[in-house]
Amino acid sequence: ERREERERERERGRETEIQKEEELRGILRASEVEREREREGERERERERERERERERETERERVSGTTRHLAGLWRPVT
């Protein structure tokens, strides 16, 4: 009878360990999902910063191009 009781205790201990491991795995998965979500958010912010830099470069190209056209219109050959 004591042997059976010890066996039942051992079995309950194993079940408790398995349950704890499953809970930890769940926590780790949730944590990894959250980290991936944060990484994706950072990637999206970086893409937006790059789009903004490209808009600024385009604005500068247009400004330079307009200035060049304006100066070209003012140029007259020396006679």
Protein backbone atom coordinates (compact mmCIF):
# COMPACT_ATOMS: atom_id res chain seq x y z
CA GLU A 1 0.00 0.00 0.00
CA ARG A 2 2.82 2.43 0.82
CA ARG A 3 4.47 1.54 -2.44
CA GLU A 4 1.24 2.39 -4.28
CA GLU A 5 1.00 5.70 -2.41
CA ARG A 6 4.61 6.57 -3.29
CA GLU A 7 3.88 5.67 -6.91
CA ARG A 8 0.81 7.91 -6.94
CA GLU A 9 2.86 10.74 -5.39
CA ARG A 10 5.56 10.27 -7.99
CA GLU A 11 2.93 10.31 -10.76
CA ARG A 12 1.36 13.51 -9.38
CA GLY A 13 4.84 15.05 -9.21
CA ARG A 14 5.46 14.13 -12.87
CA GLU A 15 2.11 15.61 -13.88
CA THR A 16 2.90 18.80 -11.99
CA GLU A 17 6.30 19.04 -13.70
CA ILE A 18 4.75 18.47 -17.12
CA GLN A 19 2.14 21.14 -16.39
CA LYS A 20 4.84 23.61 -15.27
CA GLU A 21 6.85 22.92 -18.43
CA GLU A 22 3.80 23.48 -20.61
CA GLU A 23 3.06 26.77 -18.82
CA LEU A 24 6.67 27.90 -19.31
CA ARG A 25 6.55 26.97 -23.01
CA GLY A 26 3.35 29.00 -23.35
CA ILE A 27 4.98 31.99 -21.66
CA LEU A 28 8.03 31.70 -23.91
CA ARG A 29 5.86 31.50 -27.03
CA ALA A 30 3.85 34.56 -25.96
CA SER A 31 7.06 36.41 -25.21
CA GLU A 32 8.51 35.53 -28.62
CA VAL A 33 5.31 36.63 -30.35
CA GLU A 34 5.51 39.97 -28.52
CA ARG A 35 9.19 40.41 -29.48
CA GLU A 36 8.38 39.67 -33.13
CA ARG A 37 5.54 42.19 -33.02
CA GLU A 38 7.96 44.80 -31.64
CA ARG A 39 10.55 43.97 -34.33
CA GLU A 40 7.91 44.32 -37.06
CA GLY A 41 6.85 47.67 -35.61
CA GLU A 42 10.46 48.86 -35.68
CA ARG A 43 10.86 47.64 -39.28
CA GLU A 44 7.71 49.55 -40.26
CA ARG A 45 9.00 52.72 -38.53
CA GLU A 46 12.30 52.35 -40.40
CA ARG A 47 10.45 51.94 -43.72
CA GLU A 48 8.47 55.11 -42.95
CA ARG A 49 11.69 57.00 -42.11
CA GLU A 50 13.18 55.84 -45.42
CA ARG A 51 10.07 57.00 -47.32
CA GLU A 52 10.37 60.39 -45.60
CA ARG A 53 14.07 60.64 -46.53
CA GLU A 54 13.18 59.79 -50.15
CA ARG A 55 10.47 62.49 -50.17
CA GLU A 56 13.05 64.98 -48.86
CA ARG A 57 15.56 63.94 -51.56
CA GLU A 58 12.88 64.30 -54.24
CA THR A 59 11.95 67.77 -52.96
CA GLU A 60 15.62 68.76 -53.06
CA ARG A 61 16.00 67.41 -56.64
CA GLU A 62 12.94 69.41 -57.71
CA ARG A 63 14.30 72.56 -56.05
CA VAL A 64 17.71 72.15 -57.71
CA SER A 65 16.10 71.37 -61.05
CA GLY A 66 13.86 74.46 -60.80
CA THR A 67 16.84 76.63 -59.89
CA THR A 68 18.80 75.23 -62.84
CA ARG A 69 15.91 75.92 -65.25
CA HIS A 70 15.52 79.42 -63.84
CA LEU A 71 19.24 80.18 -64.25
CA ALA A 72 19.24 78.68 -67.75
CA GLY A 73 16.38 81.00 -68.66
CA LEU A 74 18.40 84.00 -67.48
CA TRP A 75 21.49 83.04 -69.43
CA ARG A 76 22.14 84.97 -72.62
CA PRO A 77 25.09 84.46 -74.89
CA VAL A 78 27.60 87.27 -75.02
CA THR A 79 27.43 89.06 -78.41
